[in-house]
Amino acid sequence: MSIALSAQDISRALTRISHEILERNHGSTELTILGIPTRGAHLASRIAHIMSGIEGREIACGTLDITMYRDDLRLRPPRPIMLTSIPPIGIEGRDVILIDDVLFSGRTIRAALDALGEVGRPRSVQLAALVDRGHRQLPIRADYVGKNLPTSPTQSVKVQLIEIDGIDEVVIEGEAN
């Protein structure tokens, strides 16, 4: 096990991602931030908080559960349905920023796009991930990445957040091939 990102590294990455989102979107007036539970939701909340501090206004932030849209439901043990919480302003005609902790195969994001289509029709959808580890199985890429971590498919990347795990860090487990 090796530590790939410390608490300070995570904080810096989220601050950088927040600034990049604001710059690319010319501010926050048309933005809605949606985190993918579990850890993506906490990261989305942090990013919205950082952006609120920069912009001096509250940023629309919520969560988007993708459980029922996953293509591996029959391959894994049952999972609890998580909360989907769309801000009152909604997503219609807005620029939605999806936030996830680790981008790997792209299948989670495909499920998120399907779930988002059930909620409404945003003007655009952008993706931010704390970690991009490669190994895509679908043609999906992140618009904002905290850290690219080239890994072996046999390794795993674990994001630990203080809200859930009591510590902020990203670790790589397993041996590289």
C-alpha atoms as a PDB file:
ATOM      1  CA  MET A   1       0.000   0.000   0.000  1.00  0.00           C
ATOM      2  CA  SER A   2       1.348   3.410  -0.915  1.00  0.00           C
ATOM      3  CA  ILE A   3      -0.083   6.843  -0.233  1.00  0.00           C
ATOM      4  CA  ALA A   4      -0.668   8.607  -3.549  1.00  0.00           C
ATOM      5  CA  LEU A   5      -2.330  11.759  -2.169  1.00  0.00           C
ATOM      6  CA  SER A   6      -2.116  13.219   1.314  1.00  0.00           C
ATOM      7  CA  ALA A   7      -4.760  15.429   2.931  1.00  0.00           C
ATOM      8  CA  GLN A   8      -2.890  18.520   1.701  1.00  0.00           C
ATOM      9  CA  ASP A   9      -2.664  17.096  -1.817  1.00  0.00           C
ATOM     10  CA  ILE A  10      -6.428  16.450  -1.844  1.00  0.00           C
ATOM     11  CA  SER A  11      -7.147  19.959  -0.575  1.00  0.00           C
ATOM     12  CA  ARG A  12      -4.925  21.532  -3.244  1.00  0.00           C
ATOM     13  CA  ALA A  13      -6.463  19.368  -5.985  1.00  0.00           C
ATOM     14  CA  LEU A  14     -10.013  20.322  -4.991  1.00  0.00           C
ATOM     15  CA  THR A  15      -9.089  24.009  -4.868  1.00  0.00           C
ATOM     16  CA  ARG A  16      -7.503  23.781  -8.327  1.00  0.00           C
ATOM     17  CA  ILE A  17     -10.508  21.898  -9.738  1.00  0.00           C
ATOM     18  CA  SER A  18     -12.843  24.548  -8.269  1.00  0.00           C
ATOM     19  CA  HIS A  19     -10.903  27.366  -9.936  1.00  0.00           C
ATOM     20  CA  GLU A  20     -10.773  25.477 -13.259  1.00  0.00           C
ATOM     21  CA  ILE A  21     -14.548  24.904 -13.209  1.00  0.00           C
ATOM     22  CA  LEU A  22     -15.226  28.579 -12.515  1.00  0.00           C
ATOM     23  CA  GLU A  23     -12.792  29.727 -15.180  1.00  0.00           C
ATOM     24  CA  ARG A  24     -14.123  27.399 -17.871  1.00  0.00           C
ATOM     25  CA  ASN A  25     -17.752  28.294 -17.092  1.00  0.00           C
ATOM     26  CA  HIS A  26     -17.190  32.044 -16.650  1.00  0.00           C
ATOM     27  CA  GLY A  27     -18.401  31.979 -13.059  1.00  0.00           C
ATOM     28  CA  SER A  28     -21.019  29.989 -11.223  1.00  0.00           C
ATOM     29  CA  THR A  29     -24.392  31.505 -12.109  1.00  0.00           C
ATOM     30  CA  GLU A  30     -25.424  28.618 -14.398  1.00  0.00           C
ATOM     31  CA  LEU A  31     -23.709  25.774 -12.506  1.00  0.00           C
ATOM     32  CA  THR A  32     -25.197  22.864 -10.618  1.00  0.00           C
ATOM     33  CA  ILE A  33     -22.761  20.512  -8.882  1.00  0.00           C
ATOM     34  CA  LEU A  34     -23.876  16.881  -8.457  1.00  0.00           C
ATOM     35  CA  GLY A  35     -21.812  14.334  -6.557  1.00  0.00           C
ATOM     36  CA  ILE A  36     -22.053  10.596  -7.111  1.00  0.00           C
ATOM     37  CA  PRO A  37     -22.483   8.867  -3.729  1.00  0.00           C
ATOM     38  CA  THR A  38     -20.739   8.022  -1.623  1.00  0.00           C
ATOM     39  CA  ARG A  39     -17.385   9.772  -1.785  1.00  0.00           C
ATOM     40  CA  GLY A  40     -18.219  11.831  -4.869  1.00  0.00           C
ATOM     41  CA  ALA A  41     -21.048  13.444  -2.911  1.00  0.00           C
ATOM     42  CA  HIS A  42     -18.659  14.576  -0.185  1.00  0.00           C
ATOM     43  CA  LEU A  43     -16.163  15.844  -2.754  1.00  0.00           C
ATOM     44  CA  ALA A  44     -18.970  17.751  -4.514  1.00  0.00           C
ATOM     45  CA  SER A  45     -19.916  19.405  -1.237  1.00  0.00           C
ATOM     46  CA  ARG A  46     -16.316  20.451  -0.660  1.00  0.00           C
ATOM     47  CA  ILE A  47     -15.959  21.818  -4.196  1.00  0.00           C
ATOM     48  CA  ALA A  48     -19.228  23.752  -3.886  1.00  0.00           C
ATOM     49  CA  HIS A  49     -17.989  25.194  -0.571  1.00  0.00           C
ATOM     50  CA  ILE A  50     -14.665  26.273  -2.108  1.00  0.00           C
ATOM     51  CA  MET A  51     -16.461  27.805  -5.091  1.00  0.00           C
ATOM     52  CA  SER A  52     -18.902  29.614  -2.787  1.00  0.00           C
ATOM     53  CA  GLY A  53     -15.948  31.188  -0.992  1.00  0.00           C
ATOM     54  CA  ILE A  54     -14.465  32.350  -4.284  1.00  0.00           C
ATOM     55  CA  GLU A  55     -17.730  33.591  -5.784  1.00  0.00           C
ATOM     56  CA  GLY A  56     -19.286  35.001  -2.610  1.00  0.00           C
ATOM     57  CA  ARG A  57     -22.560  33.203  -3.259  1.00  0.00           C
ATOM     58  CA  GLU A  58     -24.053  29.779  -2.606  1.00  0.00           C
ATOM     59  CA  ILE A  59     -23.435  27.205  -5.333  1.00  0.00           C
ATOM     60  CA  ALA A  60     -26.254  24.785  -6.226  1.00  0.00           C
ATOM     61  CA  CYS A  61     -25.083  21.363  -5.062  1.00  0.00           C
ATOM     62  CA  GLY A  62     -26.727  17.969  -4.739  1.00  0.00           C
ATOM     63  CA  THR A  63     -26.268  14.230  -5.181  1.00  0.00           C
ATOM     64  CA  LEU A  64     -27.167  11.812  -7.958  1.00  0.00           C
ATOM     65  CA  ASP A  65     -27.659   8.155  -7.089  1.00  0.00           C
ATOM     66  CA  ILE A  66     -26.784   5.831  -9.968  1.00  0.00           C
ATOM     67  CA  THR A  67     -27.457   2.467  -8.327  1.00  0.00           C
ATOM     68  CA  MET A  68     -30.398   1.426 -10.517  1.00  0.00           C
ATOM     69  CA  TYR A  69     -28.596   2.524 -13.698  1.00  0.00           C
ATOM     70  CA  ARG A  70     -25.482   0.383 -13.196  1.00  0.00           C
ATOM     71  CA  ASP A  71     -24.812  -2.384 -15.702  1.00  0.00           C
ATOM     72  CA  ASP A  72     -23.336  -4.673 -13.026  1.00  0.00           C
ATOM     73  CA  LEU A  73     -26.350  -4.960 -10.704  1.00  0.00           C
ATOM     74  CA  ARG A  74     -26.700  -8.692 -11.273  1.00  0.00           C
ATOM     75  CA  LEU A  75     -22.952  -9.281 -10.848  1.00  0.00           C
ATOM     76  CA  ARG A  76     -22.595  -7.729  -7.391  1.00  0.00           C
ATOM     77  CA  PRO A  77     -24.324  -8.131  -4.046  1.00  0.00           C
ATOM     78  CA  PRO A  78     -27.369  -5.889  -3.556  1.00  0.00           C
ATOM     79  CA  ARG A  79     -26.529  -2.271  -2.783  1.00  0.00           C
ATOM     80  CA  PRO A  80     -28.674   0.172  -0.868  1.00  0.00           C
ATOM     81  CA  ILE A  81     -30.279   2.934  -2.873  1.00  0.00           C
ATOM     82  CA  MET A  82     -28.554   6.214  -2.000  1.00  0.00           C
ATOM     83  CA  LEU A  83     -30.144   9.630  -1.827  1.00  0.00           C
ATOM     84  CA  THR A  84     -30.629  11.685  -4.977  1.00  0.00           C
ATOM     85  CA  SER A  85     -30.925  15.317  -3.986  1.00  0.00           C
ATOM     86  CA  ILE A  86     -31.372  17.800  -6.818  1.00  0.00           C
ATOM     87  CA  PRO A  87     -31.101  21.471  -5.756  1.00  0.00           C
ATOM     88  CA  PRO A  88     -34.384  23.449  -5.992  1.00  0.00           C
ATOM     89  CA  ILE A  89     -33.040  25.352  -9.003  1.00  0.00           C
ATOM     90  CA  GLY A  90     -32.897  22.006 -10.851  1.00  0.00           C
ATOM     91  CA  ILE A  91     -30.740  21.088 -13.822  1.00  0.00           C
ATOM     92  CA  GLU A  92     -32.862  22.196 -16.801  1.00  0.00           C
ATOM     93  CA  GLY A  93     -30.750  24.361 -19.092  1.00  0.00           C
ATOM     94  CA  ARG A  94     -27.902  24.489 -16.569  1.00  0.00           C
ATOM     95  CA  ASP A  95     -24.291  23.368 -16.757  1.00  0.00           C
ATOM     96  CA  VAL A  96     -24.059  20.276 -14.564  1.00  0.00           C
ATOM     97  CA  ILE A  97     -20.731  19.249 -13.093  1.00  0.00           C
ATOM     98  CA  LEU A  98     -20.683  15.567 -12.082  1.00  0.00           C
ATOM     99  CA  ILE A  99     -18.180  14.796  -9.321  1.00  0.00           C
ATOM    100  CA  ASP A 100     -16.741  11.341  -8.616  1.00  0.00           C
ATOM    101  CA  ASP A 101     -13.805  10.141  -6.573  1.00  0.00           C
ATOM    102  CA  VAL A 102     -12.102   7.723  -9.005  1.00  0.00           C
ATOM    103  CA  LEU A 103     -12.518   7.479 -12.766  1.00  0.00           C
ATOM    104  CA  PHE A 104     -11.649   3.967 -13.914  1.00  0.00           C
ATOM    105  CA  SER A 105     -13.652   2.053 -16.558  1.00  0.00           C
ATOM    106  CA  GLY A 106     -16.142   4.864 -17.223  1.00  0.00           C
ATOM    107  CA  ARG A 107     -19.131   2.662 -16.410  1.00  0.00           C
ATOM    108  CA  THR A 108     -20.125   4.643 -13.314  1.00  0.00           C
ATOM    109  CA  ILE A 109     -20.232   7.830 -15.377  1.00  0.00           C
ATOM    110  CA  ARG A 110     -22.293   6.123 -18.096  1.00  0.00           C
ATOM    111  CA  ALA A 111     -24.775   5.174 -15.375  1.00  0.00           C
ATOM    112  CA  ALA A 112     -24.702   8.754 -14.052  1.00  0.00           C
ATOM    113  CA  LEU A 113     -25.526  10.127 -17.501  1.00  0.00           C
ATOM    114  CA  ASP A 114     -28.480   7.730 -17.733  1.00  0.00           C
ATOM    115  CA  ALA A 115     -29.688   8.751 -14.253  1.00  0.00           C
ATOM    116  CA  LEU A 116     -29.267  12.426 -15.113  1.00  0.00           C
ATOM    117  CA  GLY A 117     -31.458  11.970 -18.190  1.00  0.00           C
ATOM    118  CA  GLU A 118     -34.289  10.876 -15.893  1.00  0.00           C
ATOM    119  CA  VAL A 119     -33.976  14.095 -13.872  1.00  0.00           C
ATOM    120  CA  GLY A 120     -33.942  16.626 -16.684  1.00  0.00           C
ATOM    121  CA  ARG A 121     -32.044  18.073 -19.623  1.00  0.00           C
ATOM    122  CA  PRO A 122     -28.993  20.126 -18.692  1.00  0.00           C
ATOM    123  CA  ARG A 123     -27.361  22.493 -21.180  1.00  0.00           C
ATOM    124  CA  SER A 124     -24.061  20.658 -20.710  1.00  0.00           C
ATOM    125  CA  VAL A 125     -22.530  17.975 -18.514  1.00  0.00           C
ATOM    126  CA  GLN A 126     -18.921  18.122 -17.365  1.00  0.00           C
ATOM    127  CA  LEU A 127     -17.024  15.620 -15.257  1.00  0.00           C
ATOM    128  CA  ALA A 128     -14.576  16.156 -12.399  1.00  0.00           C
ATOM    129  CA  ALA A 129     -12.718  13.297 -10.731  1.00  0.00           C
ATOM    130  CA  LEU A 130     -10.275  13.434  -7.865  1.00  0.00           C
ATOM    131  CA  VAL A 131      -8.302  10.546  -9.410  1.00  0.00           C
ATOM    132  CA  ASP A 132      -8.124   9.271 -12.987  1.00  0.00           C
ATOM    133  CA  ARG A 133      -6.452   5.877 -13.055  1.00  0.00           C
ATOM    134  CA  GLY A 134      -6.977   5.037 -16.721  1.00  0.00           C
ATOM    135  CA  HIS A 135      -8.178   1.659 -18.063  1.00  0.00           C
ATOM    136  CA  ARG A 136     -11.311   3.046 -19.723  1.00  0.00           C
ATOM    137  CA  GLN A 137     -13.829   0.598 -21.164  1.00  0.00           C
ATOM    138  CA  LEU A 138     -16.065   3.360 -22.523  1.00  0.00           C
ATOM    139  CA  PRO A 139     -15.189   6.579 -24.394  1.00  0.00           C
ATOM    140  CA  ILE A 140     -15.454   8.829 -21.346  1.00  0.00           C
ATOM    141  CA  ARG A 141     -12.924  11.325 -20.031  1.00  0.00           C
ATOM    142  CA  ALA A 142     -12.881  13.819 -17.198  1.00  0.00           C
ATOM    143  CA  ASP A 143     -12.863  17.560 -17.864  1.00  0.00           C
ATOM    144  CA  TYR A 144     -11.184  18.201 -14.503  1.00  0.00           C
ATOM    145  CA  VAL A 145      -8.789  15.795 -12.782  1.00  0.00           C
ATOM    146  CA  GLY A 146      -7.124  16.150  -9.401  1.00  0.00           C
ATOM    147  CA  LYS A 147      -4.406  13.591 -10.143  1.00  0.00           C
ATOM    148  CA  ASN A 148      -3.703  11.102 -12.917  1.00  0.00           C
ATOM    149  CA  LEU A 149      -2.500   7.870 -11.297  1.00  0.00           C
ATOM    150  CA  PRO A 150      -1.388   5.286 -13.832  1.00  0.00           C
ATOM    151  CA  THR A 151      -2.105   1.924 -12.240  1.00  0.00           C
ATOM    152  CA  SER A 152      -2.188  -1.732 -13.122  1.00  0.00           C
ATOM    153  CA  PRO A 153      -5.689  -3.174 -13.622  1.00  0.00           C
ATOM    154  CA  THR A 154      -4.954  -5.502 -10.692  1.00  0.00           C
ATOM    155  CA  GLN A 155      -4.301  -2.610  -8.311  1.00  0.00           C
ATOM    156  CA  SER A 156      -7.017  -0.695  -6.524  1.00  0.00           C
ATOM    157  CA  VAL A 157      -7.222   2.980  -5.679  1.00  0.00           C
ATOM    158  CA  LYS A 158      -8.912   3.752  -2.357  1.00  0.00           C
ATOM    159  CA  VAL A 159     -10.081   7.274  -1.607  1.00  0.00           C
ATOM    160  CA  GLN A 160     -10.515   7.894   2.089  1.00  0.00           C
ATOM    161  CA  LEU A 161     -12.349  11.015   3.215  1.00  0.00           C
ATOM    162  CA  ILE A 162     -12.574  12.446   6.688  1.00  0.00           C
ATOM    163  CA  GLU A 163     -16.402  12.524   6.532  1.00  0.00           C
ATOM    164  CA  ILE A 164     -16.531   8.727   6.176  1.00  0.00           C
ATOM    165  CA  ASP A 165     -13.135   7.280   7.055  1.00  0.00           C
ATOM    166  CA  GLY A 166     -11.767   9.805   9.550  1.00  0.00           C
ATOM    167  CA  ILE A 167      -8.796  10.632   7.291  1.00  0.00           C
ATOM    168  CA  ASP A 168      -8.175  12.300   3.939  1.00  0.00           C
ATOM    169  CA  GLU A 169      -5.857  10.292   1.710  1.00  0.00           C
ATOM    170  CA  VAL A 170      -5.692   8.289  -1.491  1.00  0.00           C
ATOM    171  CA  VAL A 171      -3.854   4.971  -1.390  1.00  0.00           C
ATOM    172  CA  ILE A 172      -2.895   2.474  -4.067  1.00  0.00           C
ATOM    173  CA  GLU A 173      -3.208  -1.142  -3.000  1.00  0.00           C
ATOM    174  CA  GLY A 174      -1.684  -4.161  -4.719  1.00  0.00           C
ATOM    175  CA  GLU A 175       1.400  -4.726  -6.817  1.00  0.00           C
ATOM    176  CA  ALA A 176       1.943  -3.187 -10.241  1.00  0.00           C
ATOM    177  CA  ASN A 177       2.273  -5.692 -13.055  1.00  0.00           C
END
